[in-house]
PDB file of all heavy atoms in Angstrom:
ATOM      1  N   ARG A   1    -130.648   5.610-132.962  1.00  0.00           N
ATOM      2  CA  ARG A   1    -130.508   5.243-134.375  1.00  0.00           C
ATOM      3  C   ARG A   1    -129.634   6.217-135.164  1.00  0.00           C
ATOM      4  O   ARG A   1    -128.928   5.823-136.086  1.00  0.00           O
ATOM      5  CB  ARG A   1    -131.884   5.154-135.049  1.00  0.00           C
ATOM      6  CG  ARG A   1    -132.771   4.053-134.506  1.00  0.00           C
ATOM      7  CD  ARG A   1    -133.978   3.825-135.421  1.00  0.00           C
ATOM      8  NE  ARG A   1    -134.713   5.061-135.705  1.00  0.00           N
ATOM      9  CZ  ARG A   1    -135.675   5.557-134.943  1.00  0.00           C
ATOM     10  NH1 ARG A   1    -136.014   4.906-133.827  1.00  0.00           N
ATOM     11  NH2 ARG A   1    -136.298   6.669-135.256  1.00  0.00           N
ATOM     12  N   HIS A   2    -129.697   7.489-134.799  1.00  0.00           N
ATOM     13  CA  HIS A   2    -129.074   8.505-135.652  1.00  0.00           C
ATOM     14  C   HIS A   2    -127.949   9.283-134.974  1.00  0.00           C
ATOM     15  O   HIS A   2    -127.297  10.104-135.632  1.00  0.00           O
ATOM     16  CB  HIS A   2    -130.145   9.497-136.125  1.00  0.00           C
ATOM     17  CG  HIS A   2    -131.240   8.852-136.907  1.00  0.00           C
ATOM     18  ND1 HIS A   2    -131.114   8.470-138.223  1.00  0.00           N
ATOM     19  CD2 HIS A   2    -132.512   8.498-136.530  1.00  0.00           C
ATOM     20  CE1 HIS A   2    -132.249   7.927-138.646  1.00  0.00           C
ATOM     21  NE2 HIS A   2    -133.107   7.934-137.649  1.00  0.00           N
ATOM     22  N   GLY A   3    -127.703   9.053-133.691  1.00  0.00           N
ATOM     23  CA  GLY A   3    -126.663   9.776-132.998  1.00  0.00           C
ATOM     24  C   GLY A   3    -127.152  11.109-132.461  1.00  0.00           C
ATOM     25  O   GLY A   3    -128.257  11.576-132.794  1.00  0.00           O
ATOM     26  N   THR A   4    -126.321  11.727-131.615  1.00  0.00           N
ATOM     27  CA  THR A   4    -126.685  12.986-130.962  1.00  0.00           C
ATOM     28  C   THR A   4    -125.916  14.136-131.577  1.00  0.00           C
ATOM     29  O   THR A   4    -124.674  14.105-131.603  1.00  0.00           O
ATOM     30  CB  THR A   4    -126.376  12.918-129.456  1.00  0.00           C
ATOM     31  OG1 THR A   4    -127.110  11.849-128.870  1.00  0.00           O
ATOM     32  CG2 THR A   4    -126.743  14.221-128.773  1.00  0.00           C
ATOM     33  N   PRO A   5    -126.582  15.149-132.092  1.00  0.00           N
ATOM     34  CA  PRO A   5    -125.867  16.317-132.659  1.00  0.00           C
ATOM     35  C   PRO A   5    -125.117  17.057-131.558  1.00  0.00           C
ATOM     36  O   PRO A   5    -125.610  17.226-130.449  1.00  0.00           O
ATOM     37  CB  PRO A   5    -126.993  17.166-133.255  1.00  0.00           C
ATOM     38  CG  PRO A   5    -128.220  16.768-132.501  1.00  0.00           C
ATOM     39  CD  PRO A   5    -128.045  15.318-132.167  1.00  0.00           C
ATOM     40  N   GLU A   6    -123.910  17.499-131.889  1.00  0.00           N
ATOM     41  CA  GLU A   6    -123.090  18.216-130.927  1.00  0.00           C
ATOM     42  C   GLU A   6    -123.033  19.719-131.206  1.00  0.00           C
ATOM     43  O   GLU A   6    -122.729  20.513-130.320  1.00  0.00           O
ATOM     44  CB  GLU A   6    -121.660  17.653-130.930  1.00  0.00           C
ATOM     45  CG  GLU A   6    -121.569  16.174-130.582  1.00  0.00           C
ATOM     46  CD  GLU A   6    -121.974  15.884-129.148  1.00  0.00           C
ATOM     47  OE1 GLU A   6    -121.889  16.810-128.312  1.00  0.00           O
ATOM     48  OE2 GLU A   6    -122.391  14.743-128.866  1.00  0.00           O
ATOM     49  N   THR A   7    -123.308  20.107-132.438  1.00  0.00           N
ATOM     50  CA  THR A   7    -123.306  21.516-132.828  1.00  0.00           C
ATOM     51  C   THR A   7    -124.512  21.772-133.734  1.00  0.00           C
ATOM     52  O   THR A   7    -125.066  20.825-134.319  1.00  0.00           O
ATOM     53  CB  THR A   7    -122.033  21.895-133.601  1.00  0.00           C
ATOM     54  OG1 THR A   7    -122.065  21.261-134.884  1.00  0.00           O
ATOM     55  CG2 THR A   7    -120.786  21.464-132.838  1.00  0.00           C
ATOM     56  N   PRO A   8    -124.918  23.035-133.888  1.00  0.00           N
ATOM     57  CA  PRO A   8    -126.011  23.319-134.825  1.00  0.00           C
ATOM     58  C   PRO A   8    -125.715  22.814-136.239  1.00  0.00           C
ATOM     59  O   PRO A   8    -126.637  22.388-136.949  1.00  0.00           O
ATOM     60  CB  PRO A   8    -126.109  24.850-134.781  1.00  0.00           C
ATOM     61  CG  PRO A   8    -125.650  25.206-133.394  1.00  0.00           C
ATOM     62  CD  PRO A   8    -124.538  24.236-133.114  1.00  0.00           C
ATOM     63  N   ALA A   9    -124.461  22.851-136.675  1.00  0.00           N
ATOM     64  CA  ALA A   9    -124.118  22.382-138.018  1.00  0.00           C
ATOM     65  C   ALA A   9    -124.431  20.906-138.196  1.00  0.00           C
ATOM     66  O   ALA A   9    -124.747  20.459-139.314  1.00  0.00           O
ATOM     67  CB  ALA A   9    -122.646  22.652-138.308  1.00  0.00           C
ATOM     68  N   ASP A  10    -124.362  20.127-137.110  1.00  0.00           N
ATOM     69  CA  ASP A  10    -124.655  18.705-137.196  1.00  0.00           C
ATOM     70  C   ASP A  10    -126.111  18.432-137.564  1.00  0.00           C
ATOM     71  O   ASP A  10    -126.447  17.329-138.035  1.00  0.00           O
ATOM     72  CB  ASP A  10    -124.360  18.017-135.860  1.00  0.00           C
ATOM     73  CG  ASP A  10    -122.886  17.984-135.520  1.00  0.00           C
ATOM     74  OD1 ASP A  10    -122.068  18.206-136.437  1.00  0.00           O
ATOM     75  OD2 ASP A  10    -122.550  17.783-134.332  1.00  0.00           O
ATOM     76  N   LEU A  11    -126.994  19.408-137.355  1.00  0.00           N
ATOM     77  CA  LEU A  11    -128.417  19.179-137.625  1.00  0.00           C
ATOM     78  C   LEU A  11    -128.685  18.944-139.104  1.00  0.00           C
ATOM     79  O   LEU A  11    -129.730  18.381-139.460  1.00  0.00           O
ATOM     80  CB  LEU A  11    -129.233  20.386-137.139  1.00  0.00           C
ATOM     81  CG  LEU A  11    -129.244  20.603-135.623  1.00  0.00           C
ATOM     82  CD1 LEU A  11    -129.991  21.892-135.281  1.00  0.00           C
ATOM     83  CD2 LEU A  11    -129.870  19.424-134.903  1.00  0.00           C
ATOM     84  N   ALA A  12    -127.758  19.345-139.972  1.00  0.00           N
ATOM     85  CA  ALA A  12    -127.934  19.123-141.408  1.00  0.00           C
ATOM     86  C   ALA A  12    -128.013  17.644-141.746  1.00  0.00           C
ATOM     87  O   ALA A  12    -128.532  17.267-142.807  1.00  0.00           O
ATOM     88  CB  ALA A  12    -126.802  19.787-142.192  1.00  0.00           C
ATOM     89  N   ARG A  13    -127.508  16.788-140.845  1.00  0.00           N
ATOM     90  CA  ARG A  13    -127.516  15.339-141.080  1.00  0.00           C
ATOM     91  C   ARG A  13    -128.683  14.662-140.355  1.00  0.00           C
ATOM     92  O   ARG A  13    -128.726  13.428-140.290  1.00  0.00           O
ATOM     93  CB  ARG A  13    -126.184  14.740-140.626  1.00  0.00           C
ATOM     94  CG  ARG A  13    -124.978  15.267-141.405  1.00  0.00           C
ATOM     95  CD  ARG A  13    -123.704  14.503-141.058  1.00  0.00           C
ATOM     96  NE  ARG A  13    -123.298  14.705-139.680  1.00  0.00           N
ATOM     97  CZ  ARG A  13    -122.535  15.723-139.265  1.00  0.00           C
ATOM     98  NH1 ARG A  13    -122.132  16.639-140.147  1.00  0.00           N
ATOM     99  NH2 ARG A  13    -122.198  15.840-138.015  1.00  0.00           N
ATOM    100  N   HIS A  14    -129.599  15.443-139.836  1.00  0.00           N
ATOM    101  CA  HIS A  14    -130.718  14.879-139.079  1.00  0.00           C
ATOM    102  C   HIS A  14    -132.045  15.256-139.714  1.00  0.00           C
ATOM    103  O   HIS A  14    -132.097  16.065-140.658  1.00  0.00           O
ATOM    104  CB  HIS A  14    -130.669  15.360-137.626  1.00  0.00           C
ATOM    105  CG  HIS A  14    -129.580  14.733-136.828  1.00  0.00           C
ATOM    106  ND1 HIS A  14    -129.758  13.597-136.068  1.00  0.00           N
ATOM    107  CD2 HIS A  14    -128.255  15.071-136.684  1.00  0.00           C
ATOM    108  CE1 HIS A  14    -128.627  13.267-135.485  1.00  0.00           C
ATOM    109  NE2 HIS A  14    -127.685  14.148-135.835  1.00  0.00           N
ATOM    110  N   ASN A  15    -133.103  14.669-139.188  1.00  0.00           N
ATOM    111  CA  ASN A  15    -134.461  14.952-139.674  1.00  0.00           C
ATOM    112  C   ASN A  15    -135.237  15.765-138.640  1.00  0.00           C
ATOM    113  O   ASN A  15    -135.247  15.420-137.454  1.00  0.00           O
ATOM    114  CB  ASN A  15    -135.220  13.646-139.960  1.00  0.00           C
ATOM    115  CG  ASN A  15    -136.581  13.921-140.566  1.00  0.00           C
ATOM    116  OD1 ASN A  15    -136.707  14.660-141.539  1.00  0.00           O
ATOM    117  ND2 ASN A  15    -137.622  13.342-139.982  1.00  0.00           N
ATOM    118  N   GLY A  16    -135.856  16.828-139.093  1.00  0.00           N
ATOM    119  CA  GLY A  16    -136.670  17.645-138.197  1.00  0.00           C
ATOM    120  C   GLY A  16    -138.147  17.373-138.366  1.00  0.00           C
ATOM    121  O   GLY A  16    -138.594  16.996-139.457  1.00  0.00           O
ATOM    122  N   VAL A  17    -138.907  17.539-137.306  1.00  0.00           N
ATOM    123  CA  VAL A  17    -140.364  17.514-137.396  1.00  0.00           C
ATOM    124  C   VAL A  17    -140.819  18.947-137.115  1.00  0.00           C
ATOM    125  O   VAL A  17    -140.522  19.514-136.065  1.00  0.00           O
ATOM    126  CB  VAL A  17    -141.002  16.488-136.451  1.00  0.00           C
ATOM    127  CG1 VAL A  17    -140.745  15.084-136.944  1.00  0.00           C
ATOM    128  CG2 VAL A  17    -140.500  16.625-135.032  1.00  0.00           C
ATOM    129  N   THR A  18    -141.490  19.537-138.064  1.00  0.00           N
ATOM    130  CA  THR A  18    -141.781  20.959-138.010  1.00  0.00           C
ATOM    131  C   THR A  18    -143.285  21.209-137.926  1.00  0.00           C
ATOM    132  O   THR A  18    -144.095  20.302-138.072  1.00  0.00           O
ATOM    133  CB  THR A  18    -141.220  21.664-139.255  1.00  0.00           C
ATOM    134  OG1 THR A  18    -141.869  21.160-140.425  1.00  0.00           O
ATOM    135  CG2 THR A  18    -139.722  21.456-139.373  1.00  0.00           C
ATOM    136  N   PHE A  19    -143.621  22.448-137.673  1.00  0.00           N
ATOM    137  CA  PHE A  19    -145.019  22.857-137.623  1.00  0.00           C
ATOM    138  C   PHE A  19    -145.122  24.241-138.242  1.00  0.00           C
ATOM    139  O   PHE A  19    -144.105  24.894-138.509  1.00  0.00           O
ATOM    140  CB  PHE A  19    -145.542  22.848-136.194  1.00  0.00           C
ATOM    141  CG  PHE A  19    -144.711  23.619-135.213  1.00  0.00           C
ATOM    142  CD1 PHE A  19    -144.985  24.943-134.921  1.00  0.00           C
ATOM    143  CD2 PHE A  19    -143.629  23.017-134.577  1.00  0.00           C
ATOM    144  CE1 PHE A  19    -144.204  25.661-134.031  1.00  0.00           C
ATOM    145  CE2 PHE A  19    -142.840  23.724-133.669  1.00  0.00           C
ATOM    146  CZ  PHE A  19    -143.131  25.046-133.406  1.00  0.00           C
ATOM    147  N   HIS A  20    -146.344  24.681-138.462  1.00  0.00           N
ATOM    148  CA  HIS A  20    -146.561  25.946-139.153  1.00  0.00           C
ATOM    149  C   HIS A  20    -146.801  27.073-138.156  1.00  0.00           C
ATOM    150  O   HIS A  20    -147.444  26.885-137.133  1.00  0.00           O
ATOM    151  CB  HIS A  20    -147.780  25.850-140.079  1.00  0.00           C
ATOM    152  CG  HIS A  20    -147.586  24.853-141.178  1.00  0.00           C
ATOM    153  ND1 HIS A  20    -148.592  24.507-142.050  1.00  0.00           N
ATOM    154  CD2 HIS A  20    -146.511  24.119-141.551  1.00  0.00           C
ATOM    155  CE1 HIS A  20    -148.141  23.615-142.916  1.00  0.00           C
ATOM    156  NE2 HIS A  20    -146.875  23.368-142.628  1.00  0.00           N
ATOM    157  N   ILE A  21    -146.284  28.241-138.486  1.00  0.00           N
ATOM    158  CA  ILE A  21    -146.572  29.470-137.747  1.00  0.00           C
ATOM    159  C   ILE A  21    -147.081  30.487-138.754  1.00  0.00           C
ATOM    160  O   ILE A  21    -146.400  30.784-139.743  1.00  0.00           O
ATOM    161  CB  ILE A  21    -145.332  30.016-137.010  1.00  0.00           C
ATOM    162  CG1 ILE A  21    -144.866  29.010-135.944  1.00  0.00           C
ATOM    163  CG2 ILE A  21    -145.629  31.364-136.373  1.00  0.00           C
ATOM    164  CD1 ILE A  21    -143.626  29.459-135.194  1.00  0.00           C
ATOM    165  N   ALA A  22    -148.282  31.006-138.512  1.00  0.00           N
ATOM    166  CA  ALA A  22    -148.913  31.961-139.436  1.00  0.00           C
ATOM    167  C   ALA A  22    -148.959  31.406-140.855  1.00  0.00           C
ATOM    168  O   ALA A  22    -148.745  32.123-141.842  1.00  0.00           O
ATOM    169  CB  ALA A  22    -148.183  33.292-139.398  1.00  0.00           C
ATOM    170  N   GLY A  23    -149.228  30.099-140.962  1.00  0.00           N
ATOM    171  CA  GLY A  23    -149.405  29.479-142.265  1.00  0.00           C
ATOM    172  C   GLY A  23    -148.135  29.072-142.971  1.00  0.00           C
ATOM    173  O   GLY A  23    -148.186  28.534-144.076  1.00  0.00           O
ATOM    174  N   LYS A  24    -146.962  29.301-142.350  1.00  0.00           N
ATOM    175  CA  LYS A  24    -145.696  28.957-142.974  1.00  0.00           C
ATOM    176  C   LYS A  24    -144.943  27.953-142.112  1.00  0.00           C
ATOM    177  O   LYS A  24    -144.971  28.023-140.885  1.00  0.00           O
ATOM    178  CB  LYS A  24    -144.831  30.211-143.173  1.00  0.00           C
ATOM    179  CG  LYS A  24    -145.448  31.248-144.103  1.00  0.00           C
ATOM    180  CD  LYS A  24    -144.534  32.459-144.266  1.00  0.00           C
ATOM    181  CE  LYS A  24    -145.151  33.494-145.193  1.00  0.00           C
ATOM    182  NZ  LYS A  24    -144.277  34.690-145.335  1.00  0.00           N
ATOM    183  N   ALA A  25    -144.268  27.026-142.799  1.00  0.00           N
ATOM    184  CA  ALA A  25    -143.493  26.013-142.076  1.00  0.00           C
ATOM    185  C   ALA A  25    -142.361  26.684-141.301  1.00  0.00           C
ATOM    186  O   ALA A  25    -141.591  27.475-141.868  1.00  0.00           O
ATOM    187  CB  ALA A  25    -142.928  24.996-143.058  1.00  0.00           C
ATOM    188  N   TYR A  26    -142.266  26.372-140.014  1.00  0.00           N
ATOM    189  CA  TYR A  26    -141.202  26.929-139.183  1.00  0.00           C
ATOM    190  C   TYR A  26    -140.027  25.949-139.246  1.00  0.00           C
ATOM    191  O   TYR A  26    -139.930  25.019-138.446  1.00  0.00           O
ATOM    192  CB  TYR A  26    -141.700  27.109-137.754  1.00  0.00           C
ATOM    193  CG  TYR A  26    -140.650  27.657-136.820  1.00  0.00           C
ATOM    194  CD1 TYR A  26    -140.123  28.929-136.994  1.00  0.00           C
ATOM    195  CD2 TYR A  26    -140.183  26.887-135.755  1.00  0.00           C
ATOM    196  CE1 TYR A  26    -139.158  29.420-136.144  1.00  0.00           C
ATOM    197  CE2 TYR A  26    -139.212  27.375-134.899  1.00  0.00           C
ATOM    198  CZ  TYR A  26    -138.707  28.634-135.100  1.00  0.00           C
ATOM    199  OH  TYR A  26    -137.742  29.116-134.258  1.00  0.00           O
ATOM    200  N   ALA A  27    -139.152  26.157-140.228  1.00  0.00           N
ATOM    201  CA  ALA A  27    -138.056  25.219-140.468  1.00  0.00           C
ATOM    202  C   ALA A  27    -136.691  25.886-140.437  1.00  0.00           C
ATOM    203  O   ALA A  27    -135.688  25.217-140.711  1.00  0.00           O
ATOM    204  CB  ALA A  27    -138.263  24.521-141.821  1.00  0.00           C
ATOM    205  N   THR A  28    -136.609  27.164-140.130  1.00  0.00           N
ATOM    206  CA  THR A  28    -135.325  27.835-139.920  1.00  0.00           C
ATOM    207  C   THR A  28    -135.178  28.086-138.435  1.00  0.00           C
ATOM    208  O   THR A  28    -135.895  28.903-137.859  1.00  0.00           O
ATOM    209  CB  THR A  28    -135.255  29.160-140.699  1.00  0.00           C
ATOM    210  OG1 THR A  28    -135.420  28.885-142.098  1.00  0.00           O
ATOM    211  CG2 THR A  28    -133.908  29.834-140.476  1.00  0.00           C
ATOM    212  N   TRP A  29    -134.269  27.357-137.805  1.00  0.00           N
ATOM    213  CA  TRP A  29    -134.137  27.373-136.356  1.00  0.00           C
ATOM    214  C   TRP A  29    -132.901  28.173-135.953  1.00  0.00           C
ATOM    215  O   TRP A  29    -131.836  28.040-136.557  1.00  0.00           O
ATOM    216  CB  TRP A  29    -134.041  25.944-135.819  1.00  0.00           C
ATOM    217  CG  TRP A  29    -135.281  25.129-136.115  1.00  0.00           C
ATOM    218  CD1 TRP A  29    -136.462  25.586-136.590  1.00  0.00           C
ATOM    219  CD2 TRP A  29    -135.425  23.721-135.935  1.00  0.00           C
ATOM    220  NE1 TRP A  29    -137.361  24.553-136.716  1.00  0.00           N
ATOM    221  CE2 TRP A  29    -136.749  23.391-136.326  1.00  0.00           C
ATOM    222  CE3 TRP A  29    -134.587  22.701-135.478  1.00  0.00           C
ATOM    223  CZ2 TRP A  29    -137.246  22.084-136.267  1.00  0.00           C
ATOM    224  CZ3 TRP A  29    -135.075  21.393-135.425  1.00  0.00           C
ATOM    225  CH2 TRP A  29    -136.397  21.099-135.818  1.00  0.00           C
ATOM    226  N   ARG A  30    -133.043  29.003-134.915  1.00  0.00           N
ATOM    227  CA  ARG A  30    -131.975  29.896-134.477  1.00  0.00           C
ATOM    228  C   ARG A  30    -131.470  29.477-133.091  1.00  0.00           C
ATOM    229  O   ARG A  30    -132.255  29.130-132.207  1.00  0.00           O
ATOM    230  CB  ARG A  30    -132.454  31.348-134.428  1.00  0.00           C
ATOM    231  CG  ARG A  30    -132.901  31.899-135.762  1.00  0.00           C
ATOM    232  CD  ARG A  30    -133.367  33.330-135.650  1.00  0.00           C
ATOM    233  NE  ARG A  30    -132.264  34.253-135.388  1.00  0.00           N
ATOM    234  CZ  ARG A  30    -132.106  34.969-134.289  1.00  0.00           C
ATOM    235  NH1 ARG A  30    -132.995  34.882-133.310  1.00  0.00           N
ATOM    236  NH2 ARG A  30    -131.083  35.780-134.139  1.00  0.00           N
ATOM    237  N   PHE A  31    -130.148  29.543-132.918  1.00  0.00           N
ATOM    238  CA  PHE A  31    -129.526  29.189-131.646  1.00  0.00           C
ATOM    239  C   PHE A  31    -128.464  30.237-131.307  1.00  0.00           C
ATOM    240  O   PHE A  31    -127.747  30.715-132.199  1.00  0.00           O
ATOM    241  CB  PHE A  31    -128.868  27.807-131.722  1.00  0.00           C
ATOM    242  CG  PHE A  31    -129.782  26.726-132.200  1.00  0.00           C
ATOM    243  CD1 PHE A  31    -129.840  26.393-133.548  1.00  0.00           C
ATOM    244  CD2 PHE A  31    -130.615  26.060-131.311  1.00  0.00           C
ATOM    245  CE1 PHE A  31    -130.691  25.402-134.001  1.00  0.00           C
ATOM    246  CE2 PHE A  31    -131.474  25.066-131.762  1.00  0.00           C
ATOM    247  CZ  PHE A  31    -131.514  24.743-133.108  1.00  0.00           C
ATOM    248  N   GLY A  32    -128.349  30.584-130.017  1.00  0.00           N
ATOM    249  CA  GLY A  32    -127.407  31.596-129.613  1.00  0.00           C
ATOM    250  C   GLY A  32    -126.401  31.082-128.598  1.00  0.00           C
ATOM    251  O   GLY A  32    -126.701  30.186-127.797  1.00  0.00           O
ATOM    252  N   ARG A  33    -125.208  31.675-128.635  1.00  0.00           N
ATOM    253  CA  ARG A  33    -124.179  31.358-127.636  1.00  0.00           C
ATOM    254  C   ARG A  33    -123.219  32.529-127.562  1.00  0.00           C
ATOM    255  O   ARG A  33    -122.713  32.978-128.580  1.00  0.00           O
ATOM    256  CB  ARG A  33    -123.431  30.068-127.995  1.00  0.00           C
ATOM    257  CG  ARG A  33    -122.473  29.605-126.906  1.00  0.00           C
ATOM    258  CD  ARG A  33    -121.899  28.242-127.192  1.00  0.00           C
ATOM    259  NE  ARG A  33    -121.029  28.246-128.369  1.00  0.00           N
ATOM    260  CZ  ARG A  33    -120.324  27.192-128.763  1.00  0.00           C
ATOM    261  NH1 ARG A  33    -120.420  26.041-128.095  1.00  0.00           N
ATOM    262  NH2 ARG A  33    -119.559  27.271-129.824  1.00  0.00           N
ATOM    263  N   GLU A  34    -123.015  33.042-126.337  1.00  0.00           N
ATOM    264  CA  GLU A  34    -122.100  34.150-126.094  1.00  0.00           C
ATOM    265  C   GLU A  34    -122.418  35.345-126.983  1.00  0.00           C
ATOM    266  O   GLU A  34    -121.535  35.995-127.541  1.00  0.00           O
ATOM    267  CB  GLU A  34    -120.649  33.689-126.297  1.00  0.00           C
ATOM    268  CG  GLU A  34    -120.244  32.590-125.315  1.00  0.00           C
ATOM    269  CD  GLU A  34    -118.828  32.111-125.555  1.00  0.00           C
ATOM    270  OE1 GLU A  34    -118.202  32.572-126.540  1.00  0.00           O
ATOM    271  OE2 GLU A  34    -118.349  31.266-124.776  1.00  0.00           O
ATOM    272  N   GLY A  35    -123.704  35.622-127.131  1.00  0.00           N
ATOM    273  CA  GLY A  35    -124.136  36.789-127.865  1.00  0.00           C
ATOM    274  C   GLY A  35    -124.200  36.650-129.373  1.00  0.00           C
ATOM    275  O   GLY A  35    -124.615  37.574-130.072  1.00  0.00           O
ATOM    276  N   GLU A  36    -123.794  35.502-129.917  1.00  0.00           N
ATOM    277  CA  GLU A  36    -123.849  35.282-131.355  1.00  0.00           C
ATOM    278  C   GLU A  36    -124.927  34.252-131.676  1.00  0.00           C
ATOM    279  O   GLU A  36    -125.104  33.272-130.946  1.00  0.00           O
ATOM    280  CB  GLU A  36    -122.482  34.805-131.875  1.00  0.00           C
ATOM    281  CG  GLU A  36    -121.386  35.841-131.722  1.00  0.00           C
ATOM    282  CD  GLU A  36    -120.093  35.401-132.376  1.00  0.00           C
ATOM    283  OE1 GLU A  36    -120.108  34.328-133.018  1.00  0.00           O
ATOM    284  OE2 GLU A  36    -119.086  36.120-132.245  1.00  0.00           O
ATOM    285  N   TRP A  37    -125.625  34.482-132.792  1.00  0.00           N
ATOM    286  CA  TRP A  37    -126.725  33.602-133.190  1.00  0.00           C
ATOM    287  C   TRP A  37    -126.438  32.970-134.551  1.00  0.00           C
ATOM    288  O   TRP A  37    -125.855  33.608-135.429  1.00  0.00           O
ATOM    289  CB  TRP A  37    -128.038  34.385-133.263  1.00  0.00           C
ATOM    290  CG  TRP A  37    -128.529  34.768-131.900  1.00  0.00           C
ATOM    291  CD1 TRP A  37    -128.138  35.844-131.156  1.00  0.00           C
ATOM    292  CD2 TRP A  37    -129.488  34.061-131.115  1.00  0.00           C
ATOM    293  NE1 TRP A  37    -128.792  35.850-129.946  1.00  0.00           N
ATOM    294  CE2 TRP A  37    -129.638  34.770-129.890  1.00  0.00           C
ATOM    295  CE3 TRP A  37    -130.235  32.909-131.302  1.00  0.00           C
ATOM    296  CZ2 TRP A  37    -130.481  34.361-128.890  1.00  0.00           C
ATOM    297  CZ3 TRP A  37    -131.102  32.484-130.305  1.00  0.00           C
ATOM    298  CH2 TRP A  37    -131.206  33.208-129.109  1.00  0.00           C
ATOM    299  N   VAL A  38    -126.814  31.711-134.675  1.00  0.00           N
ATOM    300  CA  VAL A  38    -126.686  31.012-135.956  1.00  0.00           C
ATOM    301  C   VAL A  38    -128.070  30.519-136.358  1.00  0.00           C
ATOM    302  O   VAL A  38    -128.926  30.249-135.509  1.00  0.00           O
ATOM    303  CB  VAL A  38    -125.703  29.827-135.871  1.00  0.00           C
ATOM    304  CG1 VAL A  38    -124.305  30.316-135.515  1.00  0.00           C
ATOM    305  CG2 VAL A  38    -126.175  28.778-134.862  1.00  0.00           C
ATOM    306  N   GLU A  39    -128.278  30.397-137.676  1.00  0.00           N
ATOM    307  CA  GLU A  39    -129.531  29.881-138.209  1.00  0.00           C
ATOM    308  C   GLU A  39    -129.276  28.572-138.945  1.00  0.00           C
ATOM    309  O   GLU A  39    -128.259  28.433-139.634  1.00  0.00           O
ATOM    310  CB  GLU A  39    -130.182  30.878-139.158  1.00  0.00           C
ATOM    311  CG  GLU A  39    -130.706  32.128-138.478  1.00  0.00           C
ATOM    312  CD  GLU A  39    -131.508  33.002-139.426  1.00  0.00           C
ATOM    313  OE1 GLU A  39    -131.500  32.725-140.653  1.00  0.00           O
ATOM    314  OE2 GLU A  39    -132.147  33.962-138.956  1.00  0.00           O
ATOM    315  N   VAL A  40    -130.203  27.632-138.772  1.00  0.00           N
ATOM    316  CA  VAL A  40    -130.094  26.345-139.429  1.00  0.00           C
ATOM    317  C   VAL A  40    -131.369  26.095-140.219  1.00  0.00           C
ATOM    318  O   VAL A  40    -132.473  26.155-139.651  1.00  0.00           O
ATOM    319  CB  VAL A  40    -129.884  25.202-138.408  1.00  0.00           C
ATOM    320  CG1 VAL A  40    -129.901  23.849-139.112  1.00  0.00           C
ATOM    321  CG2 VAL A  40    -128.593  25.405-137.634  1.00  0.00           C
TER     322      VAL A  40
END
């Protein structure tokens, strides 16, 4: 229905289902490639 994201930036156009860690929503997701990390 929504297509497949190809990069972390593409996730801005998608819907996430999240859960709580230590009482806070875990909605900032980190991904790494070649030693560099990005946050979404």
